[in-house]
Amino acid sequence: MFKFLKITCQEANEICNKSQYGEATTLEKIKLQFHIATCKICSLYAKQNAKLTDIFKAKALDCKQETHCMTSEDKELLKEKLKQVSS
């Protein structure tokens, strides 16, 4: 009856990754939920994947708020080193 919903663990991982970025279709999400309900390993993978995504999103927000620039002195020093290497 639910044969069309059965997927392998590899397919579940691929759908899980796609789902994290909003690229999975509704049918894929249903297949993933069905698989996660029956596979504890993939369930754990999905939880860990979601947690990592949350951590990286939070870190990305922190990085966007900071300005990362080299000082003029550092830029000149880098230019000199590049000239020495290329000569």
N, C-alpha and C. Protein backbone atom coordinates (compact mmCIF):
# COMPACT_ATOMS: atom_id res chain seq x y z
N MET A 1 0.82 -1.20 0.00
CA MET A 1 0.00 0.00 0.00
C MET A 1 0.86 1.26 0.00
N PHE A 2 1.91 1.30 0.81
CA PHE A 2 2.76 2.48 0.90
C PHE A 2 4.10 2.28 0.21
N LYS A 3 4.14 1.39 -0.76
CA LYS A 3 5.39 1.10 -1.43
C LYS A 3 5.99 2.32 -2.11
N PHE A 4 5.16 3.21 -2.63
CA PHE A 4 5.66 4.39 -3.32
C PHE A 4 6.28 5.39 -2.34
N LEU A 5 6.04 5.22 -1.05
CA LEU A 5 6.63 6.10 -0.04
C LEU A 5 7.97 5.59 0.48
N LYS A 6 8.29 4.34 0.18
CA LYS A 6 9.54 3.76 0.68
C LYS A 6 10.73 4.31 -0.09
N ILE A 7 11.73 4.75 0.69
CA ILE A 7 12.97 5.24 0.10
C ILE A 7 14.13 4.65 0.90
N THR A 8 15.31 4.68 0.30
CA THR A 8 16.51 4.19 0.99
C THR A 8 17.03 5.27 1.93
N CYS A 9 17.94 4.88 2.78
CA CYS A 9 18.56 5.85 3.70
C CYS A 9 19.33 6.91 2.91
N GLN A 10 19.97 6.51 1.83
CA GLN A 10 20.70 7.47 0.98
C GLN A 10 19.75 8.52 0.41
N GLU A 11 18.61 8.07 -0.10
CA GLU A 11 17.61 9.01 -0.63
C GLU A 11 17.07 9.90 0.48
N ALA A 12 16.88 9.34 1.66
CA ALA A 12 16.39 10.13 2.80
C ALA A 12 17.38 11.23 3.16
N ASN A 13 18.67 10.90 3.15
CA ASN A 13 19.69 11.91 3.44
C ASN A 13 19.69 13.02 2.41
N GLU A 14 19.56 12.66 1.14
CA GLU A 14 19.53 13.66 0.08
C GLU A 14 18.31 14.58 0.23
N ILE A 15 17.16 13.98 0.51
CA ILE A 15 15.94 14.78 0.69
C ILE A 15 16.06 15.65 1.93
N CYS A 16 16.65 15.11 2.98
CA CYS A 16 16.85 15.88 4.21
C CYS A 16 17.69 17.12 3.92
N ASN A 17 18.76 16.96 3.19
CA ASN A 17 19.62 18.08 2.83
C ASN A 17 18.87 19.10 1.97
N LYS A 18 18.12 18.60 1.00
CA LYS A 18 17.33 19.50 0.15
C LYS A 18 16.29 20.24 0.97
N SER A 19 15.70 19.55 1.91
CA SER A 19 14.65 20.14 2.74
C SER A 19 15.19 21.27 3.61
N GLN A 20 16.43 21.15 4.06
CA GLN A 20 17.05 22.19 4.88
C GLN A 20 17.12 23.52 4.13
N TYR A 21 17.24 23.46 2.82
CA TYR A 21 17.37 24.67 2.01
C TYR A 21 16.10 25.00 1.23
N GLY A 22 15.02 24.33 1.57
CA GLY A 22 13.73 24.62 0.94
C GLY A 22 13.63 24.15 -0.49
N GLU A 23 14.42 23.15 -0.88
CA GLU A 23 14.43 22.67 -2.26
C GLU A 23 13.65 21.37 -2.45
N ALA A 24 13.18 20.77 -1.38
CA ALA A 24 12.46 19.49 -1.47
C ALA A 24 10.99 19.73 -1.83
N THR A 25 10.45 18.82 -2.64
CA THR A 25 9.03 18.91 -3.00
C THR A 25 8.19 18.37 -1.85
N THR A 26 6.91 18.61 -1.92
CA THR A 26 6.00 18.13 -0.88
C THR A 26 6.03 16.59 -0.81
N LEU A 27 6.02 15.93 -1.95
CA LEU A 27 6.07 14.47 -1.97
C LEU A 27 7.37 13.96 -1.34
N GLU A 28 8.49 14.62 -1.64
CA GLU A 28 9.76 14.22 -1.05
C GLU A 28 9.72 14.38 0.47
N LYS A 29 9.14 15.46 0.94
CA LYS A 29 9.04 15.69 2.38
C LYS A 29 8.18 14.62 3.05
N ILE A 30 7.11 14.22 2.39
CA ILE A 30 6.25 13.16 2.93
C ILE A 30 7.02 11.84 2.99
N LYS A 31 7.75 11.53 1.91
CA LYS A 31 8.56 10.31 1.88
C LYS A 31 9.59 10.35 3.00
N LEU A 32 10.21 11.52 3.21
CA LEU A 32 11.21 11.66 4.25
C LEU A 32 10.59 11.43 5.63
N GLN A 33 9.44 12.01 5.88
CA GLN A 33 8.80 11.84 7.18
C GLN A 33 8.41 10.39 7.42
N PHE A 34 7.95 9.72 6.39
CA PHE A 34 7.60 8.30 6.49
C PHE A 34 8.85 7.49 6.82
N HIS A 35 9.95 7.80 6.15
CA HIS A 35 11.20 7.07 6.38
C HIS A 35 11.74 7.35 7.79
N ILE A 36 11.71 8.60 8.20
CA ILE A 36 12.21 8.98 9.53
C ILE A 36 11.39 8.29 10.63
N ALA A 37 10.12 8.10 10.39
CA ALA A 37 9.27 7.44 11.38
C ALA A 37 9.67 5.98 11.58
N THR A 38 10.31 5.40 10.57
CA THR A 38 10.66 3.99 10.66
C THR A 38 12.16 3.73 10.81
N CYS A 39 12.98 4.75 10.65
CA CYS A 39 14.44 4.58 10.69
C CYS A 39 15.05 5.52 11.73
N LYS A 40 15.52 4.96 12.81
CA LYS A 40 16.06 5.77 13.90
C LYS A 40 17.37 6.46 13.51
N ILE A 41 18.16 5.83 12.69
CA ILE A 41 19.44 6.42 12.27
C ILE A 41 19.19 7.68 11.43
N CYS A 42 18.27 7.59 10.49
CA CYS A 42 17.96 8.76 9.66
C CYS A 42 17.25 9.84 10.47
N SER A 43 16.48 9.42 11.45
CA SER A 43 15.84 10.38 12.34
C SER A 43 16.89 11.19 13.09
N LEU A 44 17.90 10.52 13.59
CA LEU A 44 18.99 11.19 14.29
C LEU A 44 19.76 12.10 13.33
N TYR A 45 20.00 11.62 12.11
CA TYR A 45 20.69 12.43 11.10
C TYR A 45 19.91 13.71 10.82
N ALA A 46 18.60 13.60 10.66
CA ALA A 46 17.78 14.77 10.37
C ALA A 46 17.82 15.78 11.52
N LYS A 47 17.79 15.29 12.75
CA LYS A 47 17.87 16.19 13.92
C LYS A 47 19.22 16.89 13.97
N GLN A 48 20.29 16.13 13.76
CA GLN A 48 21.62 16.71 13.79
C GLN A 48 21.82 17.71 12.65
N ASN A 49 21.29 17.38 11.49
CA ASN A 49 21.39 18.25 10.33
C ASN A 49 20.67 19.57 10.60
N ALA A 50 19.48 19.48 11.19
CA ALA A 50 18.71 20.69 11.51
C ALA A 50 19.45 21.54 12.55
N LYS A 51 20.05 20.90 13.53
CA LYS A 51 20.79 21.62 14.57
C LYS A 51 21.99 22.34 13.98
N LEU A 52 22.74 21.65 13.12
CA LEU A 52 23.89 22.27 12.47
C LEU A 52 23.48 23.46 11.61
N THR A 53 22.38 23.32 10.90
CA THR A 53 21.89 24.42 10.08
C THR A 53 21.55 25.63 10.95
N ASP A 54 20.90 25.39 12.08
CA ASP A 54 20.57 26.49 13.00
C ASP A 54 21.84 27.17 13.52
N ILE A 55 22.84 26.39 13.87
CA ILE A 55 24.09 26.94 14.39
C ILE A 55 24.77 27.80 13.32
N PHE A 56 24.85 27.28 12.10
CA PHE A 56 25.52 28.03 11.03
C PHE A 56 24.74 29.29 10.65
N LYS A 57 23.42 29.23 10.68
CA LYS A 57 22.62 30.42 10.39
C LYS A 57 22.85 31.49 11.45
N ALA A 58 22.91 31.10 12.71
CA ALA A 58 23.16 32.05 13.79
C ALA A 58 24.55 32.67 13.64
N LYS A 59 25.54 31.85 13.32
CA LYS A 59 26.90 32.36 13.14
C LYS A 59 26.97 33.28 11.93
N ALA A 60 26.25 32.95 10.87
CA ALA A 60 26.25 33.79 9.67
C ALA A 60 25.66 35.16 9.99
N LEU A 61 24.63 35.21 10.80
CA LEU A 61 24.05 36.49 11.20
C LEU A 61 25.05 37.31 11.99
N ASP A 62 25.79 36.66 12.89
CA ASP A 62 26.81 37.36 13.66
C ASP A 62 27.89 37.94 12.75
N CYS A 63 28.32 37.16 11.77
CA CYS A 63 29.37 37.60 10.86
C CYS A 63 28.91 38.76 9.99
N LYS A 64 27.66 38.75 9.59
CA LYS A 64 27.15 39.82 8.74
C LYS A 64 27.09 41.15 9.49
N GLN A 65 26.95 41.09 10.81
CA GLN A 65 26.87 42.31 11.59
C GLN A 65 28.24 42.93 11.82
N GLU A 66 29.30 42.16 11.68
CA GLU A 66 30.65 42.65 11.89
C GLU A 66 31.25 43.07 10.56
N THR A 67 32.09 44.12 10.62
CA THR A 67 32.80 44.56 9.44
C THR A 67 34.22 44.00 9.51
N HIS A 68 34.60 43.30 8.47
CA HIS A 68 35.93 42.69 8.43
C HIS A 68 36.75 43.41 7.37
N CYS A 69 37.68 44.25 7.83
CA CYS A 69 38.53 44.99 6.90
C CYS A 69 39.98 44.93 7.36
N MET A 70 40.86 44.95 6.40
CA MET A 70 42.28 45.03 6.72
C MET A 70 42.65 46.50 6.89
N THR A 71 43.60 46.75 7.76
CA THR A 71 44.09 48.11 7.92
C THR A 71 44.93 48.47 6.70
N SER A 72 45.15 49.74 6.48
CA SER A 72 45.99 50.19 5.37
C SER A 72 47.40 49.65 5.50
N GLU A 73 47.90 49.59 6.73
CA GLU A 73 49.25 49.05 6.96
C GLU A 73 49.33 47.58 6.55
N ASP A 74 48.30 46.82 6.92
CA ASP A 74 48.27 45.40 6.56
C ASP A 74 48.20 45.20 5.06
N LYS A 75 47.44 46.08 4.40
CA LYS A 75 47.32 45.98 2.94
C LYS A 75 48.67 46.24 2.26
N GLU A 76 49.38 47.26 2.73
CA GLU A 76 50.69 47.59 2.16
C GLU A 76 51.69 46.46 2.40
N LEU A 77 51.67 45.90 3.61
CA LEU A 77 52.55 44.79 3.93
C LEU A 77 52.27 43.59 3.04
N LEU A 78 51.00 43.30 2.81
CA LEU A 78 50.61 42.20 1.94
C LEU A 78 51.07 42.44 0.51
N LYS A 79 50.93 43.67 0.03
CA LYS A 79 51.39 44.01 -1.33
C LYS A 79 52.88 43.79 -1.48
N GLU A 80 53.63 44.20 -0.46
CA GLU A 80 55.08 44.02 -0.50
C GLU A 80 55.46 42.53 -0.54
N LYS A 81 54.79 41.74 0.28
CA LYS A 81 55.08 40.31 0.31
C LYS A 81 54.73 39.64 -1.02
N LEU A 82 53.63 40.08 -1.62
CA LEU A 82 53.25 39.52 -2.92
C LEU A 82 54.26 39.89 -4.00
N LYS A 83 54.80 41.10 -3.93
CA LYS A 83 55.82 41.51 -4.89
C LYS A 83 57.08 40.66 -4.73
N GLN A 84 57.44 40.38 -3.47
CA GLN A 84 58.63 39.58 -3.21
C GLN A 84 58.46 38.15 -3.73
N VAL A 85 57.27 37.60 -3.56
CA VAL A 85 57.00 36.24 -4.01
C VAL A 85 57.00 36.16 -5.53
N SER A 86 56.44 37.17 -6.19
CA SER A 86 56.33 37.13 -7.65
C SER A 86 57.64 37.48 -8.34
N SER A 87 58.58 38.08 -7.63
CA SER A 87 59.88 38.46 -8.24
C SER A 87 60.84 37.31 -8.28
